[in-house]
Each structure stands twice: as structure tokens, then as C-alpha cells.
């Protein structure tokens, strides 16, 4: 299925049912008086997080969502039936905006979490409600109020503990294949990954975390170049970022340039993405001579002024990935315990 991370829909809450004008008319009961019942409330529209969904693709085919109208009141003081609420299922991590006002109505991040996006109309009153000592036979009633109508923009931000950064062909897809059950397509050309892939990494029976493989970011991504602009937003929910660099290039200047290109785009994008803890991961070490490897790494780290955590791995052979996965698990546990 094609990954879709934005969609626009229209939601219409149900109108309230009208009140009823009725008078009791039964044999042997003269002057029975008013007995018109109230209408029912209109159904409201909710957005609900469904853990079984991963894209907004369904909204390409259906754009209008209507809740049920409240039924009108009836004689014998019978209240109309309230309209059924409508629940729209979306992936966890979806943010909901009002298109007209640009207001953020909220987001749903937990399975089963619900957000009211359109309130149903209030019920109308039957003529029984208007009876008084000076108005014994009221013919007044009120109509139900209209339900809210809204045009909504849905925006999905992938929920993952760890996000993978790097230029195209840095080896992110291969890495996520190695450490999880995710199976993104991998090939030797830029922009192999056309949409974020999520992989669940199981450390042991009781520990696991989610990794997001974000499409490659290139220089100029924040201005719309490549695919990066569309997917940078998915990094904002991550707890740790792994910045993969292709060490097989051997050319120190090229590797430093690749690092700076991604770092610059993170700072330009904002949303505090550049403040998320970032670990540097040198990938494809199986393609570099062991004697040259440490010399190249020392030069790169010195030139970029890196003082954070550094790892050497081969996503192809698995070398170094076990320690990296274990350290990620420990750091994520530490962060969650600190909250």
C-alpha cells in the first residue's frame, strides 16, 4: 500500500431533532394538555487512534463523513432518539487541524484515544416544555440546532523511538532490515525508500523498541529538494536519532560534507528536531581496510567536532549492530524512567 501521511476530509455532525407539538387526545380525558416530546441530540464526530493502521490511505477514497441526525420528538412525551456518534479511525500519531482557522484541534497518540472534532446539534424542545400557569395549551416548540461542520486536515507523524538519518544510500534500509522484521526495498540507487518504514526491534522477551527508516534527506530538503521535506516532520517524535554515514566512501571530505548537509537541514527545519539526542553511526565498515578505518574515523570526528556517541557497524554482515541495539534499549529505558 502506498504511504500517505496527509489528507483532507469534511466532517458533519448530526443536527438535533426538532421538538414536537402535540396534545393528549384520549377518550374520557378532556383537556388532556400538551404532550409533545423533545427531539434527540445529533451525533458527534470523533477521531480515534487505531493501532492497526499505519497510513492515511483510506482517506483518498472517502472524503465526507456524516454523523447521524437526532430524531424528532413525538406525542405522548416521547423523546426522539439521539443520533449515533461517528468514530473515524486513523493511525496513532495523527494530528488534526481545522483547515479554515489553521487551529490544531489535537492529536491522537495512544491506541483507542479519541478526539471530538465536530459536536452534534442540541435537541429541540417539545411544547410540553412551554406549559405554564398562563399558557395551558402552548403551541411553541424549538427546532434542533445544527451540528458542527468542519473541513479537517489530517497529518501523520510516525511514532517511533529511534529515527534513522542519513543521505540516500547511507544504508538505513539495510540497517533496519538487519535489526528488525521490517523489509523495505533495498537497491543501489538514490531514494530507494519512498515512505517511512517502521521496524520493531526485539532485544529480549520483555524489551523492544520501534525504529523508523526515514527517506534520505539531501541538501536543500527544507526548500523542497528531494523527498526530505515531506518526511522531516516524522523525526520530531523520536527519542533518539541515529545518523548513518557511509564510510565506504573513504574520502574524508565527502563524508564530512554528507554529515554537514544533513545537520544543516535539521537546524533549518526547526521543531526542535536538532535538539533530539543524535548518535553517529559509521556504516559499511566491511568495505574498508581495517588498518585505514580508525585513521579515517579519527579525521572525520576531528573535522566535524563530534563529541557524542559513535558506533562502527556493517548493516550487511551485522558487525557492531548487537551492541548498538543493546545501548539503544538501555538509553530508551533510562529516558522513560526519567519521565
Protein backbone atom coordinates (compact mmCIF):
# COMPACT_ATOMS: atom_id res chain seq x y z
CA UNK A 1 0.00 0.00 0.00
CA UNK A 2 1.22 3.48 -0.80
CA UNK A 3 2.20 5.51 2.26
CA UNK A 4 0.00 8.58 2.67
CA UNK A 5 0.81 10.97 5.51
CA UNK A 6 -1.56 13.87 4.77
CA UNK A 7 -5.25 14.03 3.89
CA UNK A 8 -8.16 16.45 3.93
CA UNK A 9 -11.70 15.42 4.84
CA UNK A 10 -15.04 17.05 5.63
CA UNK A 11 -16.95 16.07 8.77
CA UNK A 12 -20.58 16.86 9.54
CA UNK A 13 -22.06 16.26 12.96
CA UNK A 14 -25.75 15.38 13.09
CA UNK A 15 -28.41 18.04 13.59
CA UNK A 16 -30.53 17.90 16.72
CA UNK A 17 -34.06 16.56 16.28
CA UNK A 18 -36.95 19.02 16.41
CA UNK A 19 -39.34 19.26 19.34
CA UNK A 20 -42.93 18.10 18.81
CA UNK A 21 -46.23 19.97 19.15
CA UNK A 22 -48.86 17.52 20.36
CA UNK A 23 -51.85 17.43 22.68
CA UNK A 24 -53.17 14.50 24.61
CA UNK A 25 -56.32 13.27 22.90
CA UNK A 26 -57.82 10.29 24.66
CA UNK A 27 -61.37 9.23 25.24
CA UNK A 28 -62.82 10.28 28.57
CA UNK A 29 -59.82 12.58 29.26
CA UNK A 30 -60.89 16.09 28.31
CA UNK A 31 -58.37 18.89 28.19
CA UNK A 32 -55.50 16.45 28.17
CA UNK A 33 -52.92 19.18 27.72
CA UNK A 34 -49.66 19.30 25.76
CA UNK A 35 -47.61 16.13 25.40
CA UNK A 36 -45.08 16.94 22.69
CA UNK A 37 -41.68 15.37 23.40
CA UNK A 38 -38.18 16.74 22.85
CA UNK A 39 -36.05 15.80 19.88
CA UNK A 40 -32.89 13.74 20.18
CA UNK A 41 -29.35 15.16 20.19
CA UNK A 42 -27.38 14.93 16.97
CA UNK A 43 -24.46 12.52 16.76
CA UNK A 44 -20.95 13.91 17.19
CA UNK A 45 -17.85 13.06 15.16
CA UNK A 46 -14.73 11.71 16.83
CA UNK A 47 -11.29 10.78 15.54
CA UNK A 48 -9.92 7.61 17.15
CA UNK A 49 -6.42 6.12 17.06
CA UNK A 50 -6.35 2.61 15.62
CA UNK A 51 -3.07 0.67 16.21
CA UNK A 52 -3.85 -1.48 13.18
CA UNK A 53 -3.47 1.44 10.75
CA UNK A 54 -0.18 2.87 9.52
CA UNK A 55 -1.22 5.31 6.75
CA UNK A 56 -3.99 7.74 5.83
CA UNK A 57 -4.50 5.98 2.51
CA UNK A 58 -8.19 5.23 3.12
CA UNK A 59 -8.99 8.94 3.01
CA UNK A 60 -8.01 9.13 -0.65
CA UNK A 61 -11.26 7.37 -1.50
CA UNK A 62 -13.69 8.78 1.06
CA UNK A 63 -13.65 12.47 1.98
CA UNK A 64 -17.07 13.10 3.57
CA UNK A 65 -18.04 11.76 6.99
CA UNK A 66 -21.50 12.38 8.50
CA UNK A 67 -22.84 11.51 11.93
CA UNK A 68 -26.49 10.59 12.38
CA UNK A 69 -29.20 13.23 12.88
CA UNK A 70 -31.30 13.19 16.06
CA UNK A 71 -34.89 12.02 15.61
CA UNK A 72 -37.77 14.42 16.13
CA UNK A 73 -39.82 14.30 19.31
CA UNK A 74 -43.25 12.62 19.31
CA UNK A 75 -46.56 12.78 21.11
CA UNK A 76 -47.15 11.18 24.47
CA UNK A 77 -43.98 12.93 25.66
CA UNK A 78 -41.80 10.58 23.67
CA UNK A 79 -38.27 11.89 23.22
CA UNK A 80 -36.63 11.41 19.84
CA UNK A 81 -33.72 9.03 19.57
CA UNK A 82 -30.28 10.61 19.69
CA UNK A 83 -28.16 10.23 16.57
CA UNK A 84 -25.27 7.78 16.71
CA UNK A 85 -21.81 9.24 17.13
CA UNK A 86 -19.36 8.62 14.30
CA UNK A 87 -15.82 7.39 15.01
CA UNK A 88 -13.19 7.90 12.29
CA UNK A 89 -10.25 5.52 12.61
CA UNK A 90 -6.78 6.97 12.00
CA UNK A 91 -3.22 5.78 12.73
CA UNK A 92 -1.71 6.66 16.09
CA UNK A 93 0.37 9.79 15.66
CA UNK A 94 -2.21 11.70 13.60
CA UNK A 95 -2.57 15.46 14.19
CA UNK A 96 -5.90 17.10 13.32
CA UNK A 97 -6.14 20.69 12.01
CA UNK A 98 -9.13 22.88 11.16
CA UNK A 99 -8.49 23.90 7.54
CA UNK A 100 -10.29 27.27 7.79
CA UNK A 101 -8.78 28.50 11.06
CA UNK A 102 -5.50 26.54 10.94
CA UNK A 103 -6.22 25.65 14.57
CA UNK A 104 -4.68 22.44 15.88
CA UNK A 105 -7.63 20.55 17.34
CA UNK A 106 -5.34 17.95 18.88
CA UNK A 107 -3.60 14.69 18.12
CA UNK A 108 -4.14 11.04 18.95
CA UNK A 109 -1.03 9.16 20.00
CA UNK A 110 -2.34 6.19 22.02
CA UNK A 111 -4.35 3.23 20.84
CA UNK A 112 -8.03 3.93 21.43
CA UNK A 113 -7.53 7.64 22.19
CA UNK A 114 -10.44 9.74 20.94
CA UNK A 115 -10.72 13.39 19.94
CA UNK A 116 -14.01 15.27 19.44
CA UNK A 117 -13.80 17.13 16.11
CA UNK A 118 -17.46 18.07 15.45
CA UNK A 119 -20.13 18.45 18.11
CA UNK A 120 -23.63 17.20 17.39
CA UNK A 121 -26.57 19.60 17.48
CA UNK A 122 -28.66 20.12 20.62
CA UNK A 123 -32.19 18.69 20.69
CA UNK A 124 -35.23 20.85 20.13
CA UNK A 125 -37.89 21.22 22.85
CA UNK A 126 -41.43 19.92 22.61
CA UNK A 127 -44.45 22.01 23.50
CA UNK A 128 -44.72 20.29 26.90
CA UNK A 129 -41.72 22.37 27.95
CA UNK A 130 -43.64 25.61 27.34
CA UNK A 131 -46.65 24.82 29.53
CA UNK A 132 -47.21 27.31 32.31
CA UNK A 133 -49.97 28.67 34.51
CA UNK A 134 -50.72 31.32 31.93
CA UNK A 135 -50.14 29.15 28.87
CA UNK A 136 -52.08 25.93 29.26
CA UNK A 137 -52.09 24.97 25.58
CA UNK A 138 -48.73 26.04 24.20
CA UNK A 139 -48.03 25.60 20.54
CA UNK A 140 -44.46 26.70 20.83
CA UNK A 141 -41.64 24.29 20.16
CA UNK A 142 -37.98 24.67 19.14
CA UNK A 143 -36.02 23.16 16.33
CA UNK A 144 -32.86 21.23 16.98
CA UNK A 145 -29.63 23.15 16.45
CA UNK A 146 -27.30 22.35 13.56
CA UNK A 147 -24.34 20.06 14.09
CA UNK A 148 -20.84 21.40 13.51
CA UNK A 149 -19.38 21.15 10.01
CA UNK A 150 -15.64 21.23 9.61
CA UNK A 151 -13.01 20.75 6.94
CA UNK A 152 -10.12 18.91 8.53
CA UNK A 153 -6.53 18.29 7.60
CA UNK A 154 -5.03 15.07 8.92
CA UNK A 155 -1.27 14.87 9.23
CA UNK A 156 0.50 11.71 10.31
CA UNK A 157 3.77 11.88 12.20
CA UNK A 158 5.29 8.43 12.53
CA UNK A 159 5.57 7.26 16.13
CA UNK A 160 8.93 5.63 16.73
CA UNK A 161 11.54 5.55 19.49
CA UNK A 162 14.50 5.74 17.12
CA UNK A 163 14.74 7.59 13.80
CA UNK A 164 17.35 6.89 11.13
CA UNK A 165 19.05 9.86 9.48
CA UNK A 166 21.40 10.00 6.54
CA UNK A 167 21.81 10.80 2.89
CA UNK A 168 20.39 8.38 0.31
CA UNK A 169 22.39 5.14 0.21
CA UNK A 170 23.77 5.60 3.72
CA UNK A 171 22.45 2.11 4.45
CA UNK A 172 19.40 2.93 6.57
CA UNK A 173 17.10 0.43 4.86
CA UNK A 174 19.70 -2.32 5.14
CA UNK A 175 20.19 -1.49 8.80
CA UNK A 176 16.51 -1.68 9.66
CA UNK A 177 16.25 -4.98 7.78
CA UNK A 178 19.12 -6.36 9.83
CA UNK A 179 17.83 -5.45 13.28
CA UNK A 180 14.07 -5.89 12.81
CA UNK A 181 11.41 -7.73 10.85
CA UNK A 182 10.82 -4.73 8.57
CA UNK A 183 11.50 -5.46 4.90
CA UNK A 184 11.96 -2.19 2.99
CA UNK A 185 13.08 -2.46 -0.62
CA UNK A 186 16.82 -2.01 -0.97
CA UNK A 187 18.69 -1.18 -4.17
CA UNK A 188 21.78 0.70 -5.30
CA UNK A 189 20.23 3.98 -6.34
CA UNK A 190 19.11 7.18 -4.53
CA UNK A 191 15.72 7.47 -2.85
CA UNK A 192 15.09 3.75 -2.63
CA UNK A 193 12.88 4.44 0.39
CA UNK A 194 9.80 6.30 -0.80
CA UNK A 195 7.99 6.28 2.54
CA UNK A 196 8.89 5.73 6.21
CA UNK A 197 9.28 2.11 7.25
CA UNK A 198 8.72 1.03 10.84
CA UNK A 199 10.53 -1.90 12.37
CA UNK A 200 10.06 -3.43 15.81
CA UNK A 201 13.41 -4.39 17.34
CA UNK A 202 13.12 -7.11 19.96
CA UNK A 203 16.01 -7.05 22.45
CA UNK A 204 14.62 -9.89 24.57
CA UNK A 205 11.24 -11.28 25.58
CA UNK A 206 10.39 -8.19 27.62
CA UNK A 207 12.18 -5.39 25.76
CA UNK A 208 11.53 -3.94 22.34
CA UNK A 209 11.53 -0.57 20.59
CA UNK A 210 10.41 0.89 17.27
CA UNK A 211 12.78 2.21 14.61
CA UNK A 212 11.68 4.47 11.75
CA UNK A 213 13.58 4.44 8.47
CA UNK A 214 13.02 7.96 7.10
CA UNK A 215 13.62 8.63 3.37
CA UNK A 216 17.04 10.12 2.64
CA UNK A 217 17.49 13.80 3.33
CA UNK A 218 19.57 15.80 0.87
CA UNK A 219 20.92 19.31 0.86
CA UNK A 220 18.09 21.75 0.25
CA UNK A 221 15.42 19.44 1.70
CA UNK A 222 13.82 22.26 3.69
CA UNK A 223 13.41 24.19 0.43
CA UNK A 224 11.65 21.23 -1.15
CA UNK A 225 14.55 19.38 -2.76
CA UNK A 226 14.30 15.60 -2.90
CA UNK A 227 11.93 13.75 -0.56
CA UNK A 228 13.32 15.04 2.71
CA UNK A 229 10.97 17.98 3.31
CA UNK A 230 7.92 15.78 3.30
CA UNK A 231 9.37 13.37 5.84
CA UNK A 232 11.50 15.54 8.14
CA UNK A 233 8.41 16.01 10.32
CA UNK A 234 8.41 12.32 11.22
CA UNK A 235 11.63 12.79 13.17
CA UNK A 236 10.05 15.16 15.68
CA UNK A 237 8.51 12.36 17.78
CA UNK A 238 11.69 10.28 18.03
CA UNK A 239 13.64 9.92 21.27
CA UNK A 240 16.98 9.16 19.64
CA UNK A 241 18.30 9.81 16.13
CA UNK A 242 20.88 7.57 14.51
CA UNK A 243 22.86 9.47 11.90
CA UNK A 244 24.28 6.91 9.45
CA UNK A 245 27.32 7.77 7.37
CA UNK A 246 28.65 5.65 4.50
CA UNK A 247 32.28 5.03 5.48
CA UNK A 248 32.91 3.05 2.30
CA UNK A 249 33.32 6.38 0.50
CA UNK A 250 36.75 6.51 2.22
CA UNK A 251 37.10 10.14 1.07
CA UNK A 252 37.07 12.10 4.33
CA UNK A 253 35.99 15.32 2.62
CA UNK A 254 32.91 13.66 1.09
CA UNK A 255 31.88 12.02 4.36
CA UNK A 256 32.24 15.28 6.31
CA UNK A 257 30.21 17.03 3.62
CA UNK A 258 27.46 14.39 3.93
CA UNK A 259 27.34 14.90 7.70
CA UNK A 260 27.13 18.69 7.42
CA UNK A 261 24.40 18.54 4.76
CA UNK A 262 22.03 16.60 7.00
CA UNK A 263 22.94 18.61 10.11
CA UNK A 264 22.20 21.86 8.28
CA UNK A 265 18.78 20.64 7.15
CA UNK A 266 17.87 19.58 10.70
CA UNK A 267 18.66 23.05 12.03
CA UNK A 268 16.73 24.75 9.22
CA UNK A 269 13.66 22.60 9.76
CA UNK A 270 13.24 23.58 13.39
CA UNK A 271 10.54 21.91 15.54
CA UNK A 272 13.45 21.15 17.93
CA UNK A 273 14.46 18.19 15.77
CA UNK A 274 18.12 19.22 16.04
CA UNK A 275 17.82 19.01 19.86
CA UNK A 276 16.95 15.31 19.89
CA UNK A 277 19.91 13.17 21.07
CA UNK A 278 21.85 12.05 17.99
CA UNK A 279 24.30 9.18 17.75
CA UNK A 280 26.80 8.90 14.91
CA UNK A 281 26.91 5.51 13.18
CA UNK A 282 29.59 4.72 10.60
CA UNK A 283 28.16 2.05 8.32
CA UNK A 284 29.67 -0.34 5.73
CA UNK A 285 32.88 -0.92 7.67
CA UNK A 286 33.11 -4.31 5.95
CA UNK A 287 34.13 -2.43 2.79
CA UNK A 288 37.06 -0.59 4.39
CA UNK A 289 40.51 -1.95 5.22
CA UNK A 290 40.87 -2.40 8.99
CA UNK A 291 44.16 -0.51 9.07
CA UNK A 292 42.67 2.56 7.39
CA UNK A 293 39.35 2.51 9.22
CA UNK A 294 40.35 4.09 12.53
CA UNK A 295 42.52 6.69 10.80
CA UNK A 296 39.60 7.79 8.63
CA UNK A 297 37.22 7.87 11.58
CA UNK A 298 39.60 9.96 13.69
CA UNK A 299 39.95 12.53 10.91
CA UNK A 300 36.16 12.75 10.40
CA UNK A 301 35.37 13.11 14.10
CA UNK A 302 38.06 15.75 14.49
CA UNK A 303 36.89 17.78 11.48
CA UNK A 304 33.21 17.82 12.47
CA UNK A 305 33.99 18.36 16.15
CA UNK A 306 31.85 15.42 17.20
CA UNK A 307 31.65 14.76 20.95
CA UNK A 308 28.66 12.44 21.10
CA UNK A 309 28.34 8.67 20.92
CA UNK A 310 29.95 6.92 17.95
CA UNK A 311 29.48 3.41 16.57
CA UNK A 312 31.04 1.35 13.79
CA UNK A 313 28.78 -1.18 12.08
CA UNK A 314 28.11 -3.18 8.97
CA UNK A 315 24.39 -3.41 8.24
CA UNK A 316 25.22 -6.12 5.71
CA UNK A 317 27.16 -8.51 7.97
CA UNK A 318 25.68 -7.40 11.28
CA UNK A 319 29.05 -6.45 12.74
CA UNK A 320 28.62 -3.98 15.62
CA UNK A 321 24.81 -3.94 15.41
CA UNK A 322 24.22 -6.06 18.53
CA UNK A 323 25.99 -3.60 20.84
CA UNK A 324 24.25 -0.66 19.18
CA UNK A 325 20.82 -2.24 19.68
CA UNK A 326 21.58 -3.03 23.32
CA UNK A 327 22.79 0.52 24.03
CA UNK A 328 19.68 1.96 22.35
CA UNK A 329 17.46 -0.21 24.52
CA UNK A 330 19.26 0.88 27.69
CA UNK A 331 19.11 4.59 26.80
CA UNK A 332 15.40 4.43 25.90
CA UNK A 333 14.67 2.72 29.23
CA UNK A 334 16.65 5.41 31.03
CA UNK A 335 14.71 8.19 29.29
CA UNK A 336 11.34 6.64 30.05
CA UNK A 337 12.25 6.09 33.73
CA UNK A 338 13.28 9.76 33.98
CA UNK A 339 9.87 11.00 32.81
